C-alpha atoms as a PDB file:
ATOM      1  CA  UNK A   1       0.012   0.005   0.043  1.00  0.00           C
ATOM      2  CA  UNK A   2       1.469   3.396  -0.862  1.00  0.00           C
ATOM      3  CA  UNK A   3       2.202   6.096   1.862  1.00  0.00           C
ATOM      4  CA  UNK A   4      -0.106   8.733   0.152  1.00  0.00           C
ATOM      5  CA  UNK A   5      -3.641   8.137  -1.174  1.00  0.00           C
ATOM      6  CA  UNK A   6      -4.097   8.410  -4.994  1.00  0.00           C
ATOM      7  CA  UNK A   7      -7.201  10.534  -4.429  1.00  0.00           C
ATOM      8  CA  UNK A   8      -9.838  11.801  -1.857  1.00  0.00           C
ATOM      9  CA  UNK A   9     -13.374  11.068  -1.997  1.00  0.00           C
ATOM     10  CA  UNK A  10     -15.173  14.061  -0.282  1.00  0.00           C
ATOM     11  CA  UNK A  11     -18.802  14.368   0.563  1.00  0.00           C
ATOM     12  CA  UNK A  12     -20.775  17.130   2.292  1.00  0.00           C
ATOM     13  CA  UNK A  13     -24.415  17.718   2.788  1.00  0.00           C
ATOM     14  CA  UNK A  14     -26.327  20.963   2.372  1.00  0.00           C
ATOM     15  CA  UNK A  15     -27.311  22.773   5.519  1.00  0.00           C
ATOM     16  CA  UNK A  16     -30.130  21.064   7.617  1.00  0.00           C
ATOM     17  CA  UNK A  17     -30.600  18.003   5.246  1.00  0.00           C
ATOM     18  CA  UNK A  18     -28.844  15.459   7.417  1.00  0.00           C
ATOM     19  CA  UNK A  19     -29.090  16.334  11.095  1.00  0.00           C
ATOM     20  CA  UNK A  20     -27.796  14.514  14.156  1.00  0.00           C
ATOM     21  CA  UNK A  21     -30.310  11.894  14.928  1.00  0.00           C
ATOM     22  CA  UNK A  22     -31.375  11.371  11.340  1.00  0.00           C
ATOM     23  CA  UNK A  23     -33.634   8.415  10.532  1.00  0.00           C
ATOM     24  CA  UNK A  24     -30.883   7.092   8.029  1.00  0.00           C
ATOM     25  CA  UNK A  25     -28.296   7.085  10.842  1.00  0.00           C
ATOM     26  CA  UNK A  26     -25.842   9.927  11.397  1.00  0.00           C
ATOM     27  CA  UNK A  27     -22.179  10.550  12.262  1.00  0.00           C
ATOM     28  CA  UNK A  28     -21.144  12.092  15.618  1.00  0.00           C
ATOM     29  CA  UNK A  29     -17.979  14.110  15.077  1.00  0.00           C
ATOM     30  CA  UNK A  30     -14.939  12.103  16.206  1.00  0.00           C
ATOM     31  CA  UNK A  31     -17.268   9.301  17.621  1.00  0.00           C
ATOM     32  CA  UNK A  32     -18.425   7.597  14.322  1.00  0.00           C
ATOM     33  CA  UNK A  33     -21.702   6.214  13.105  1.00  0.00           C
ATOM     34  CA  UNK A  34     -24.827   6.477  15.349  1.00  0.00           C
ATOM     35  CA  UNK A  35     -28.314   4.996  15.076  1.00  0.00           C
ATOM     36  CA  UNK A  36     -31.340   7.077  14.529  1.00  0.00           C
ATOM     37  CA  UNK A  37     -32.406   9.171  17.386  1.00  0.00           C
ATOM     38  CA  UNK A  38     -35.710  11.006  16.719  1.00  0.00           C
ATOM     39  CA  UNK A  39     -35.541  13.286  19.789  1.00  0.00           C
ATOM     40  CA  UNK A  40     -31.991  14.408  18.968  1.00  0.00           C
ATOM     41  CA  UNK A  41     -33.148  15.213  15.366  1.00  0.00           C
ATOM     42  CA  UNK A  42     -36.040  17.344  16.796  1.00  0.00           C
ATOM     43  CA  UNK A  43     -33.662  19.139  18.979  1.00  0.00           C
ATOM     44  CA  UNK A  44     -31.123  19.779  16.035  1.00  0.00           C
ATOM     45  CA  UNK A  45     -33.993  21.047  13.845  1.00  0.00           C
ATOM     46  CA  UNK A  46     -34.990  23.449  16.537  1.00  0.00           C
ATOM     47  CA  UNK A  47     -31.470  24.890  16.682  1.00  0.00           C
ATOM     48  CA  UNK A  48     -31.464  25.662  12.950  1.00  0.00           C
ATOM     49  CA  UNK A  49     -31.356  29.407  12.161  1.00  0.00           C
ATOM     50  CA  UNK A  50     -32.600  28.970   8.620  1.00  0.00           C
ATOM     51  CA  UNK A  51     -34.549  26.446   6.543  1.00  0.00           C
ATOM     52  CA  UNK A  52     -32.900  23.508   5.209  1.00  0.00           C
ATOM     53  CA  UNK A  53     -31.145  23.916   1.885  1.00  0.00           C
ATOM     54  CA  UNK A  54     -32.179  22.159  -1.306  1.00  0.00           C
ATOM     55  CA  UNK A  55     -30.145  23.355  -4.182  1.00  0.00           C
ATOM     56  CA  UNK A  56     -31.999  24.008  -7.617  1.00  0.00           C
ATOM     57  CA  UNK A  57     -30.609  22.565 -10.953  1.00  0.00           C
ATOM     58  CA  UNK A  58     -29.072  25.983 -11.678  1.00  0.00           C
ATOM     59  CA  UNK A  59     -27.337  26.146  -8.273  1.00  0.00           C
ATOM     60  CA  UNK A  60     -26.059  22.632  -8.738  1.00  0.00           C
ATOM     61  CA  UNK A  61     -24.736  23.521 -12.100  1.00  0.00           C
ATOM     62  CA  UNK A  62     -22.979  26.636 -10.534  1.00  0.00           C
ATOM     63  CA  UNK A  63     -21.400  24.375  -7.761  1.00  0.00           C
ATOM     64  CA  UNK A  64     -20.095  21.892 -10.238  1.00  0.00           C
ATOM     65  CA  UNK A  65     -18.523  24.547 -12.421  1.00  0.00           C
ATOM     66  CA  UNK A  66     -16.995  26.028  -9.372  1.00  0.00           C
ATOM     67  CA  UNK A  67     -15.584  22.792  -8.168  1.00  0.00           C
ATOM     68  CA  UNK A  68     -13.744  22.320 -11.573  1.00  0.00           C
ATOM     69  CA  UNK A  69     -12.539  25.853 -11.505  1.00  0.00           C
ATOM     70  CA  UNK A  70     -11.058  25.575  -8.129  1.00  0.00           C
ATOM     71  CA  UNK A  71      -9.352  22.322  -8.905  1.00  0.00           C
ATOM     72  CA  UNK A  72      -7.870  23.898 -12.077  1.00  0.00           C
ATOM     73  CA  UNK A  73      -6.524  26.910 -10.260  1.00  0.00           C
ATOM     74  CA  UNK A  74      -5.264  24.848  -7.272  1.00  0.00           C
ATOM     75  CA  UNK A  75      -3.770  22.213  -9.828  1.00  0.00           C
ATOM     76  CA  UNK A  76      -5.704  19.422  -8.133  1.00  0.00           C
ATOM     77  CA  UNK A  77      -6.906  16.610 -10.669  1.00  0.00           C
ATOM     78  CA  UNK A  78     -10.686  16.311 -10.596  1.00  0.00           C
ATOM     79  CA  UNK A  79     -11.905  12.725 -11.273  1.00  0.00           C
ATOM     80  CA  UNK A  80     -15.488  13.290 -10.665  1.00  0.00           C
ATOM     81  CA  UNK A  81     -18.062  15.450  -9.078  1.00  0.00           C
ATOM     82  CA  UNK A  82     -21.781  15.185  -8.562  1.00  0.00           C
ATOM     83  CA  UNK A  83     -23.787  18.051  -6.850  1.00  0.00           C
ATOM     84  CA  UNK A  84     -27.324  16.655  -5.916  1.00  0.00           C
ATOM     85  CA  UNK A  85     -29.951  18.725  -4.423  1.00  0.00           C
ATOM     86  CA  UNK A  86     -29.031  17.750  -0.846  1.00  0.00           C
ATOM     87  CA  UNK A  87     -25.216  16.946  -0.967  1.00  0.00           C
ATOM     88  CA  UNK A  88     -22.002  17.135  -2.989  1.00  0.00           C
ATOM     89  CA  UNK A  89     -19.607  14.459  -3.851  1.00  0.00           C
ATOM     90  CA  UNK A  90     -16.006  15.229  -5.224  1.00  0.00           C
ATOM     91  CA  UNK A  91     -13.199  12.812  -6.117  1.00  0.00           C
ATOM     92  CA  UNK A  92      -9.898  14.485  -6.699  1.00  0.00           C
ATOM     93  CA  UNK A  93      -6.202  14.095  -6.351  1.00  0.00           C
ATOM     94  CA  UNK A  94      -4.185  16.994  -4.280  1.00  0.00           C
ATOM     95  CA  UNK A  95      -0.969  15.405  -3.354  1.00  0.00           C
ATOM     96  CA  UNK A  96       0.493  16.779  -0.170  1.00  0.00           C
ATOM     97  CA  UNK A  97      -2.759  18.772   0.821  1.00  0.00           C
ATOM     98  CA  UNK A  98      -4.703  17.878   3.828  1.00  0.00           C
ATOM     99  CA  UNK A  99      -8.279  16.693   2.814  1.00  0.00           C
ATOM    100  CA  UNK A 100      -9.906  18.817   5.293  1.00  0.00           C
ATOM    101  CA  UNK A 101      -8.137  21.819   3.775  1.00  0.00           C
ATOM    102  CA  UNK A 102      -9.408  20.719   0.233  1.00  0.00           C
ATOM    103  CA  UNK A 103     -12.876  20.393   1.584  1.00  0.00           C
ATOM    104  CA  UNK A 104     -12.749  23.709   3.284  1.00  0.00           C
ATOM    105  CA  UNK A 105     -11.456  25.446   0.076  1.00  0.00           C
ATOM    106  CA  UNK A 106     -14.130  23.802  -2.208  1.00  0.00           C
ATOM    107  CA  UNK A 107     -16.970  24.569   0.278  1.00  0.00           C
ATOM    108  CA  UNK A 108     -15.688  28.272   0.587  1.00  0.00           C
ATOM    109  CA  UNK A 109     -15.553  28.767  -3.157  1.00  0.00           C
ATOM    110  CA  UNK A 110     -18.811  27.162  -3.928  1.00  0.00           C
ATOM    111  CA  UNK A 111     -20.475  29.284  -1.151  1.00  0.00           C
ATOM    112  CA  UNK A 112     -18.959  32.457  -2.767  1.00  0.00           C
ATOM    113  CA  UNK A 113     -20.317  31.339  -6.207  1.00  0.00           C
ATOM    114  CA  UNK A 114     -23.714  30.633  -4.802  1.00  0.00           C
ATOM    115  CA  UNK A 115     -23.929  33.913  -2.931  1.00  0.00           C
ATOM    116  CA  UNK A 116     -23.046  35.621  -6.265  1.00  0.00           C
ATOM    117  CA  UNK A 117     -25.082  33.478  -8.708  1.00  0.00           C
ATOM    118  CA  UNK A 118     -28.207  32.326  -6.860  1.00  0.00           C
ATOM    119  CA  UNK A 119     -31.458  34.106  -7.143  1.00  0.00           C
ATOM    120  CA  UNK A 120     -31.858  33.598  -3.186  1.00  0.00           C
ATOM    121  CA  UNK A 121     -30.046  34.777  -0.226  1.00  0.00           C
ATOM    122  CA  UNK A 122     -28.751  32.295   2.418  1.00  0.00           C
ATOM    123  CA  UNK A 123     -26.588  32.591   5.258  1.00  0.00           C
ATOM    124  CA  UNK A 124     -25.665  28.712   5.242  1.00  0.00           C
ATOM    125  CA  UNK A 125     -25.528  26.654   2.081  1.00  0.00           C
ATOM    126  CA  UNK A 126     -23.518  23.663   3.614  1.00  0.00           C
ATOM    127  CA  UNK A 127     -23.605  21.630   6.779  1.00  0.00           C
ATOM    128  CA  UNK A 128     -20.505  22.392   8.965  1.00  0.00           C
ATOM    129  CA  UNK A 129     -18.561  19.171   8.279  1.00  0.00           C
ATOM    130  CA  UNK A 130     -18.531  16.327   5.889  1.00  0.00           C
ATOM    131  CA  UNK A 131     -16.675  13.194   5.015  1.00  0.00           C
ATOM    132  CA  UNK A 132     -13.232  12.741   3.600  1.00  0.00           C
ATOM    133  CA  UNK A 133     -12.134   9.347   2.525  1.00  0.00           C
ATOM    134  CA  UNK A 134      -8.828   8.304   1.262  1.00  0.00           C
ATOM    135  CA  UNK A 135      -8.587   6.394  -2.005  1.00  0.00           C
ATOM    136  CA  UNK A 136      -5.529   4.160  -1.880  1.00  0.00           C
ATOM    137  CA  UNK A 137      -5.213   2.535  -5.384  1.00  0.00           C
ATOM    138  CA  UNK A 138      -6.387   2.904  -8.855  1.00  0.00           C
ATOM    139  CA  UNK A 139      -8.923   0.112  -8.552  1.00  0.00           C
ATOM    140  CA  UNK A 140     -10.681   1.852  -5.635  1.00  0.00           C
ATOM    141  CA  UNK A 141     -10.443   5.186  -7.719  1.00  0.00           C
ATOM    142  CA  UNK A 142     -12.325   3.535 -10.551  1.00  0.00           C
ATOM    143  CA  UNK A 143     -15.011   2.144  -8.215  1.00  0.00           C
ATOM    144  CA  UNK A 144     -15.554   5.567  -6.483  1.00  0.00           C
ATOM    145  CA  UNK A 145     -15.629   7.511  -9.668  1.00  0.00           C
ATOM    146  CA  UNK A 146     -18.348   5.152 -11.114  1.00  0.00           C
ATOM    147  CA  UNK A 147     -20.212   5.501  -7.834  1.00  0.00           C
ATOM    148  CA  UNK A 148     -20.200   9.218  -8.159  1.00  0.00           C
ATOM    149  CA  UNK A 149     -20.928   9.409 -11.882  1.00  0.00           C
ATOM    150  CA  UNK A 150     -23.317   6.668 -12.161  1.00  0.00           C
ATOM    151  CA  UNK A 151     -24.839   5.189  -9.020  1.00  0.00           C
ATOM    152  CA  UNK A 152     -25.576   8.720  -7.533  1.00  0.00           C
ATOM    153  CA  UNK A 153     -27.752   9.468 -10.574  1.00  0.00           C
ATOM    154  CA  UNK A 154     -27.514  12.645 -12.556  1.00  0.00           C
ATOM    155  CA  UNK A 155     -29.345  15.791 -11.945  1.00  0.00           C
ATOM    156  CA  UNK A 156     -31.513  15.201 -14.984  1.00  0.00           C
ATOM    157  CA  UNK A 157     -32.796  12.065 -13.367  1.00  0.00           C
ATOM    158  CA  UNK A 158     -33.531  13.530  -9.892  1.00  0.00           C
ATOM    159  CA  UNK A 159     -37.078  13.024  -8.832  1.00  0.00           C
ATOM    160  CA  UNK A 160     -37.355  16.408  -6.868  1.00  0.00           C
ATOM    161  CA  UNK A 161     -37.385  18.204 -10.189  1.00  0.00           C
ATOM    162  CA  UNK A 162     -35.176  21.109  -8.950  1.00  0.00           C
END
């Protein structure tokens, strides 16, 4: 196994769409996967200072274009991205860069672009954290790219029609 991953698989949800206690299960920061907890989800929803964010088709296109632009400027190799109405997946290679830094940069630039290009105003577009997984070899990279490009479904097939 190589010392450095060949890529990162980054995922983060939009604001308010995957709360602590969620019926699908959820991740407690630094403590791992947790089972659904309806009372915790109600408490988390009550603390929200804005409605949950679902991205429109136009907003999702804006995000995907910004991801590509940020990768180009930073000289990171973008393998795949898929912005859905409630989350974003990005697979990229950024040798020598901490994946948390990569995620933070992408979120910041996507937020800027949404603030400039969306027809609505929001304070929060994204959840605070997200997932960063290491991709260790070419076979795993191929699998995760297929997952992002195919298994996620593309925006023209989303059922929400946004």
